[in-house]
C-alpha atoms as a PDB file:
ATOM      1  CA  MET A   1     -71.507-140.350  58.052  1.00  0.00           C
ATOM      2  CA  ALA A   2     -70.904-137.781  55.468  1.00  0.00           C
ATOM      3  CA  THR A   3     -69.876-134.147  55.960  1.00  0.00           C
ATOM      4  CA  ARG A   4     -71.386-131.297  54.140  1.00  0.00           C
ATOM      5  CA  ILE A   5     -70.037-127.967  53.838  1.00  0.00           C
ATOM      6  CA  VAL A   6     -72.863-125.311  53.730  1.00  0.00           C
ATOM      7  CA  ILE A   7     -71.855-121.899  52.457  1.00  0.00           C
ATOM      8  CA  LEU A   8     -74.071-119.089  53.607  1.00  0.00           C
ATOM      9  CA  ALA A   9     -73.854-116.111  51.102  1.00  0.00           C
ATOM     10  CA  LYS A  10     -75.658-113.080  49.992  1.00  0.00           C
ATOM     11  CA  ALA A  11     -75.973-112.459  46.174  1.00  0.00           C
ATOM     12  CA  PRO A  12     -73.134-110.009  45.162  1.00  0.00           C
ATOM     13  CA  VAL A  13     -75.375-107.076  44.387  1.00  0.00           C
ATOM     14  CA  PRO A  14     -73.739-103.552  44.658  1.00  0.00           C
ATOM     15  CA  GLY A  15     -75.098-101.796  47.711  1.00  0.00           C
ATOM     16  CA  ARG A  16     -76.445-105.012  49.166  1.00  0.00           C
ATOM     17  CA  VAL A  17     -73.409-106.945  49.992  1.00  0.00           C
ATOM     18  CA  LYS A  18     -70.187-106.264  52.062  1.00  0.00           C
ATOM     19  CA  THR A  19     -71.723-103.003  52.952  1.00  0.00           C
ATOM     20  CA  ARG A  20     -68.927-102.358  55.714  1.00  0.00           C
ATOM     21  CA  LEU A  21     -66.419-102.258  52.932  1.00  0.00           C
ATOM     22  CA  ILE A  22     -68.229 -99.707  50.626  1.00  0.00           C
ATOM     23  CA  PRO A  23     -66.333 -96.818  52.143  1.00  0.00           C
ATOM     24  CA  ALA A  24     -63.152 -98.177  51.207  1.00  0.00           C
ATOM     25  CA  LEU A  25     -64.106 -99.888  47.978  1.00  0.00           C
ATOM     26  CA  GLY A  26     -67.468 -98.377  46.757  1.00  0.00           C
ATOM     27  CA  GLY A  27     -70.399-100.502  46.072  1.00  0.00           C
ATOM     28  CA  ALA A  28     -69.354-102.032  42.784  1.00  0.00           C
ATOM     29  CA  GLY A  29     -65.960-102.745  44.334  1.00  0.00           C
ATOM     30  CA  ALA A  30     -67.445-104.612  47.284  1.00  0.00           C
ATOM     31  CA  ALA A  31     -69.545-106.655  45.187  1.00  0.00           C
ATOM     32  CA  ARG A  32     -66.813-107.670  43.033  1.00  0.00           C
ATOM     33  CA  LEU A  33     -64.811-108.689  46.152  1.00  0.00           C
ATOM     34  CA  ALA A  34     -67.873-110.577  47.292  1.00  0.00           C
ATOM     35  CA  GLN A  35     -68.193-112.440  44.051  1.00  0.00           C
ATOM     36  CA  ARG A  36     -64.555-113.331  44.042  1.00  0.00           C
ATOM     37  CA  MET A  37     -64.551-114.675  47.675  1.00  0.00           C
ATOM     38  CA  LEU A  38     -67.615-116.571  46.979  1.00  0.00           C
ATOM     39  CA  ALA A  39     -65.694-118.310  43.975  1.00  0.00           C
ATOM     40  CA  ASP A  40     -62.782-118.963  45.905  1.00  0.00           C
ATOM     41  CA  THR A  41     -64.843-120.338  48.867  1.00  0.00           C
ATOM     42  CA  VAL A  42     -66.614-122.826  46.579  1.00  0.00           C
ATOM     43  CA  ALA A  43     -63.369-123.797  44.993  1.00  0.00           C
ATOM     44  CA  HIS A  44     -61.958-124.616  48.620  1.00  0.00           C
ATOM     45  CA  ALA A  45     -64.997-126.409  49.474  1.00  0.00           C
ATOM     46  CA  LEU A  46     -64.891-128.686  46.510  1.00  0.00           C
ATOM     47  CA  ALA A  47     -61.238-129.171  47.098  1.00  0.00           C
ATOM     48  CA  ALA A  48     -61.928-130.477  50.555  1.00  0.00           C
ATOM     49  CA  GLY A  49     -63.456-133.761  48.909  1.00  0.00           C
ATOM     50  CA  LEU A  50     -66.488-134.067  51.157  1.00  0.00           C
ATOM     51  CA  ALA A  51     -69.946-134.304  50.189  1.00  0.00           C
ATOM     52  CA  THR A  52     -71.213-132.085  47.440  1.00  0.00           C
ATOM     53  CA  PRO A  53     -71.095-128.380  48.927  1.00  0.00           C
ATOM     54  CA  GLU A  54     -74.275-126.556  49.395  1.00  0.00           C
ATOM     55  CA  LEU A  55     -74.732-122.839  48.479  1.00  0.00           C
ATOM     56  CA  CYS A  56     -77.365-121.645  51.063  1.00  0.00           C
ATOM     57  CA  ALA A  57     -78.306-118.354  49.551  1.00  0.00           C
ATOM     58  CA  THR A  58     -80.153-115.135  50.178  1.00  0.00           C
ATOM     59  CA  PRO A  59     -82.246-114.159  48.274  1.00  0.00           C
ATOM     60  CA  HIS A  60     -83.640-117.396  46.981  1.00  0.00           C
ATOM     61  CA  PRO A  61     -81.320-118.993  44.302  1.00  0.00           C
ATOM     62  CA  ASP A  62     -84.006-118.489  41.602  1.00  0.00           C
ATOM     63  CA  ASP A  63     -84.017-114.682  42.456  1.00  0.00           C
ATOM     64  CA  CYS A  64     -82.765-112.522  39.432  1.00  0.00           C
ATOM     65  CA  ALA A  65     -80.089-110.994  41.855  1.00  0.00           C
ATOM     66  CA  TRP A  66     -78.148-114.374  41.399  1.00  0.00           C
ATOM     67  CA  ALA A  67     -78.157-114.157  37.720  1.00  0.00           C
ATOM     68  CA  GLY A  68     -74.670-114.976  36.300  1.00  0.00           C
ATOM     69  CA  HIS A  69     -73.439-115.283  39.861  1.00  0.00           C
ATOM     70  CA  LEU A  70     -74.264-118.866  40.926  1.00  0.00           C
ATOM     71  CA  PRO A  71     -71.318-121.036  41.229  1.00  0.00           C
ATOM     72  CA  ALA A  72     -71.202-124.670  39.541  1.00  0.00           C
ATOM     73  CA  GLY A  73     -70.588-127.776  41.348  1.00  0.00           C
ATOM     74  CA  VAL A  74     -72.741-126.982  44.337  1.00  0.00           C
ATOM     75  CA  ARG A  75     -76.317-127.953  45.361  1.00  0.00           C
ATOM     76  CA  LEU A  76     -78.473-124.886  46.041  1.00  0.00           C
ATOM     77  CA  ALA A  77     -80.806-124.034  48.926  1.00  0.00           C
ATOM     78  CA  ASP A  78     -82.660-121.020  50.233  1.00  0.00           C
ATOM     79  CA  GLN A  79     -81.679-119.550  53.621  1.00  0.00           C
ATOM     80  CA  GLY A  80     -85.188-118.806  54.399  1.00  0.00           C
ATOM     81  CA  PRO A  81     -86.621-116.304  56.853  1.00  0.00           C
ATOM     82  CA  GLY A  82     -85.462-114.961  60.113  1.00  0.00           C
ATOM     83  CA  ASP A  83     -82.324-113.476  61.541  1.00  0.00           C
ATOM     84  CA  LEU A  84     -78.907-114.994  61.111  1.00  0.00           C
ATOM     85  CA  GLY A  85     -79.259-117.301  64.048  1.00  0.00           C
ATOM     86  CA  GLN A  86     -82.498-118.611  62.865  1.00  0.00           C
ATOM     87  CA  ARG A  87     -81.033-119.227  59.334  1.00  0.00           C
ATOM     88  CA  LEU A  88     -78.081-120.959  60.789  1.00  0.00           C
ATOM     89  CA  ALA A  89     -80.342-123.210  63.019  1.00  0.00           C
ATOM     90  CA  ALA A  90     -82.358-124.136  60.103  1.00  0.00           C
ATOM     91  CA  ALA A  91     -79.720-125.231  57.952  1.00  0.00           C
ATOM     92  CA  ALA A  92     -78.027-127.187  60.621  1.00  0.00           C
ATOM     93  CA  LYS A  93     -81.045-129.022  61.542  1.00  0.00           C
ATOM     94  CA  ARG A  94     -81.935-129.831  57.829  1.00  0.00           C
ATOM     95  CA  VAL A  95     -78.635-131.302  57.058  1.00  0.00           C
ATOM     96  CA  ILE A  96     -78.071-133.095  60.526  1.00  0.00           C
ATOM     97  CA  ASP A  97     -81.684-134.480  60.335  1.00  0.00           C
ATOM     98  CA  GLY A  98     -80.684-135.769  56.905  1.00  0.00           C
ATOM     99  CA  GLY A  99     -78.108-137.941  58.574  1.00  0.00           C
ATOM    100  CA  GLU A 100     -75.020-135.895  57.693  1.00  0.00           C
ATOM    101  CA  ARG A 101     -72.569-133.663  59.725  1.00  0.00           C
ATOM    102  CA  ILE A 102     -72.299-130.050  58.780  1.00  0.00           C
ATOM    103  CA  LEU A 103     -69.609-127.470  58.348  1.00  0.00           C
ATOM    104  CA  LEU A 104     -71.188-123.993  58.386  1.00  0.00           C
ATOM    105  CA  ILE A 105     -69.252-121.346  56.756  1.00  0.00           C
ATOM    106  CA  GLY A 106     -69.489-117.860  55.041  1.00  0.00           C
ATOM    107  CA  THR A 107     -67.293-116.489  52.288  1.00  0.00           C
ATOM    108  CA  ASP A 108     -65.319-113.937  54.382  1.00  0.00           C
ATOM    109  CA  CYS A 109     -62.328-116.148  55.445  1.00  0.00           C
ATOM    110  CA  PRO A 110     -59.502-116.743  52.736  1.00  0.00           C
ATOM    111  CA  GLU A 111     -57.780-118.871  55.191  1.00  0.00           C
ATOM    112  CA  LEU A 112     -60.320-121.523  55.132  1.00  0.00           C
ATOM    113  CA  ASP A 113     -58.817-123.531  52.340  1.00  0.00           C
ATOM    114  CA  GLY A 114     -59.484-127.247  51.312  1.00  0.00           C
ATOM    115  CA  LYS A 115     -56.911-128.420  53.718  1.00  0.00           C
ATOM    116  CA  ARG A 116     -58.378-126.671  56.593  1.00  0.00           C
ATOM    117  CA  LEU A 117     -62.007-127.714  55.816  1.00  0.00           C
ATOM    118  CA  GLY A 118     -60.992-131.255  55.546  1.00  0.00           C
ATOM    119  CA  GLU A 119     -59.255-131.139  58.843  1.00  0.00           C
ATOM    120  CA  ALA A 120     -62.437-129.700  60.365  1.00  0.00           C
ATOM    121  CA  ALA A 121     -64.461-132.540  58.833  1.00  0.00           C
ATOM    122  CA  ALA A 122     -61.961-135.064  60.435  1.00  0.00           C
ATOM    123  CA  HIS A 123     -62.392-133.475  63.827  1.00  0.00           C
ATOM    124  CA  LEU A 124     -66.272-134.052  63.656  1.00  0.00           C
ATOM    125  CA  GLU A 125     -65.437-137.728  63.522  1.00  0.00           C
ATOM    126  CA  SER A 126     -64.335-137.733  67.136  1.00  0.00           C
ATOM    127  CA  HIS A 127     -66.247-134.664  68.411  1.00  0.00           C
ATOM    128  CA  ASP A 128     -69.639-133.370  68.640  1.00  0.00           C
ATOM    129  CA  ALA A 129     -68.690-129.800  67.565  1.00  0.00           C
ATOM    130  CA  MET A 130     -65.804-128.048  66.007  1.00  0.00           C
ATOM    131  CA  ILE A 131     -65.059-124.259  65.736  1.00  0.00           C
ATOM    132  CA  HIS A 132     -62.651-121.917  64.201  1.00  0.00           C
ATOM    133  CA  PRO A 133     -62.843-118.513  66.186  1.00  0.00           C
ATOM    134  CA  ALA A 134     -62.237-115.319  64.271  1.00  0.00           C
ATOM    135  CA  ARG A 135     -59.993-112.694  65.379  1.00  0.00           C
ATOM    136  CA  ASP A 136     -62.757-110.226  65.765  1.00  0.00           C
ATOM    137  CA  GLY A 137     -64.661-112.416  68.253  1.00  0.00           C
ATOM    138  CA  GLY A 138     -66.902-114.229  65.975  1.00  0.00           C
ATOM    139  CA  TYR A 139     -66.466-117.391  64.265  1.00  0.00           C
ATOM    140  CA  VAL A 140     -65.638-118.373  60.578  1.00  0.00           C
ATOM    141  CA  LEU A 141     -66.568-122.044  60.833  1.00  0.00           C
ATOM    142  CA  LEU A 142     -68.943-124.010  63.132  1.00  0.00           C
ATOM    143  CA  GLY A 143     -68.917-127.858  62.567  1.00  0.00           C
ATOM    144  CA  LEU A 144     -71.631-129.982  64.069  1.00  0.00           C
ATOM    145  CA  ALA A 145     -72.288-133.571  64.335  1.00  0.00           C
ATOM    146  CA  ARG A 146     -75.481-132.875  66.264  1.00  0.00           C
ATOM    147  CA  THR A 147     -77.382-129.580  66.913  1.00  0.00           C
ATOM    148  CA  ASP A 148     -79.359-127.731  69.388  1.00  0.00           C
ATOM    149  CA  PRO A 149     -81.491-124.429  69.196  1.00  0.00           C
ATOM    150  CA  SER A 150     -79.395-122.957  71.981  1.00  0.00           C
ATOM    151  CA  LEU A 151     -76.421-122.713  69.965  1.00  0.00           C
ATOM    152  CA  PHE A 152     -78.052-119.973  67.572  1.00  0.00           C
ATOM    153  CA  GLY A 153     -80.673-118.187  69.817  1.00  0.00           C
ATOM    154  CA  ASP A 154     -80.288-114.923  71.422  1.00  0.00           C
ATOM    155  CA  ILE A 155     -76.582-114.358  70.032  1.00  0.00           C
ATOM    156  CA  ALA A 156     -75.414-110.664  69.644  1.00  0.00           C
ATOM    157  CA  TRP A 157     -74.368-111.470  66.037  1.00  0.00           C
ATOM    158  CA  SER A 158     -71.575-109.113  64.793  1.00  0.00           C
ATOM    159  CA  THR A 159     -69.989-108.501  68.057  1.00  0.00           C
ATOM    160  CA  ASP A 160     -66.836-109.863  69.745  1.00  0.00           C
ATOM    161  CA  THR A 161     -68.920-112.105  72.040  1.00  0.00           C
ATOM    162  CA  VAL A 162     -70.210-114.469  69.452  1.00  0.00           C
ATOM    163  CA  ALA A 163     -67.483-117.312  69.458  1.00  0.00           C
ATOM    164  CA  ALA A 164     -67.176-117.196  73.338  1.00  0.00           C
ATOM    165  CA  THR A 165     -70.984-117.287  73.704  1.00  0.00           C
ATOM    166  CA  THR A 166     -71.130-120.345  71.351  1.00  0.00           C
ATOM    167  CA  ILE A 167     -68.302-122.176  73.028  1.00  0.00           C
ATOM    168  CA  ALA A 168     -69.782-121.653  76.350  1.00  0.00           C
ATOM    169  CA  ARG A 169     -73.244-123.010  75.176  1.00  0.00           C
ATOM    170  CA  ILE A 170     -71.499-126.145  73.726  1.00  0.00           C
ATOM    171  CA  GLU A 171     -69.896-126.708  76.884  1.00  0.00           C
ATOM    172  CA  ALA A 172     -73.103-126.305  78.786  1.00  0.00           C
ATOM    173  CA  LEU A 173     -74.538-129.092  76.617  1.00  0.00           C
ATOM    174  CA  GLY A 174     -71.789-131.568  77.699  1.00  0.00           C
ATOM    175  CA  TRP A 175     -70.602-131.933  74.194  1.00  0.00           C
ATOM    176  CA  SER A 176     -67.294-132.536  73.092  1.00  0.00           C
ATOM    177  CA  LEU A 177     -65.643-129.660  71.256  1.00  0.00           C
ATOM    178  CA  PHE A 178     -62.497-129.205  69.250  1.00  0.00           C
ATOM    179  CA  VAL A 179     -61.437-125.405  69.057  1.00  0.00           C
ATOM    180  CA  GLY A 180     -59.186-124.742  65.896  1.00  0.00           C
ATOM    181  CA  ASP A 181     -56.933-121.937  64.768  1.00  0.00           C
ATOM    182  CA  ILE A 182     -58.154-118.286  65.311  1.00  0.00           C
ATOM    183  CA  LEU A 183     -58.298-116.967  61.712  1.00  0.00           C
ATOM    184  CA  SER A 184     -58.938-113.651  59.992  1.00  0.00           C
ATOM    185  CA  ASP A 185     -62.054-112.535  58.112  1.00  0.00           C
ATOM    186  CA  VAL A 186     -62.636-109.776  55.873  1.00  0.00           C
ATOM    187  CA  ASP A 187     -65.414-107.564  57.206  1.00  0.00           C
ATOM    188  CA  GLU A 188     -64.042-103.934  57.652  1.00  0.00           C
ATOM    189  CA  PRO A 189     -61.640-101.680  55.513  1.00  0.00           C
ATOM    190  CA  ALA A 190     -58.880-102.423  57.922  1.00  0.00           C
ATOM    191  CA  ASP A 191     -59.111-106.138  57.285  1.00  0.00           C
ATOM    192  CA  LEU A 192     -58.222-105.637  53.613  1.00  0.00           C
ATOM    193  CA  ASP A 193     -54.529-104.664  54.412  1.00  0.00           C
ATOM    194  CA  ALA A 194     -53.957-107.930  55.898  1.00  0.00           C
ATOM    195  CA  GLN A 195     -55.361-109.775  52.929  1.00  0.00           C
ATOM    196  CA  ALA A 196     -52.881-108.864  50.182  1.00  0.00           C
ATOM    197  CA  ARG A 197     -53.931-111.869  48.044  1.00  0.00           C
ATOM    198  CA  ILE A 198     -57.238-110.379  47.112  1.00  0.00           C
ATOM    199  CA  ALA A 199     -55.998-107.188  46.059  1.00  0.00           C
ATOM    200  CA  SER A 200     -56.323-108.012  42.465  1.00  0.00           C
ATOM    201  CA  VAL A 201     -60.136-107.764  42.601  1.00  0.00           C
ATOM    202  CA  LEU A 202     -59.827-104.106  43.884  1.00  0.00           C
ATOM    203  CA  THR A 203     -58.552-102.510  40.874  1.00  0.00           C
END
């Protein structure tokens, strides 16, 4: 069974992406960072050597907001309507119903390189689910060999309880789970100091 990496991302439009970083970078700088992190994420996903990665985009990939920003080497899908949980649930159901495992990621974690993504896929060969928690209490990767609506409903997104709640729900389902390393993401201005390797896009 193949494993597909699905990258959920917003179009890198100034003022509409990485908004929590705008006080530090300005709207244009935050958008440039978003574009760089999207390109890096796609490169890492391709390096993992799994099924063709998917960019699950918002707005729709045909929207003019994506003009000049869509990466090569990926298949494209629309995130569709609803809150983050509904969009994650829809992507997971679509891929798993299609006979594949899924690695759900965003573009905010430079530490999710090709090696880690390949290792996450390997864990799904012997586990129902795999998660990389984030230092802020969320998660930067959720891997699933099966899915259930309870994993995504009534989650307090963007809080420090997301990973713990998700892990508890997986355990309540009786599924086997591998918990990977806690990794850092880039959401707030304070996160930038810990990610020196992206400094070049800020000038």
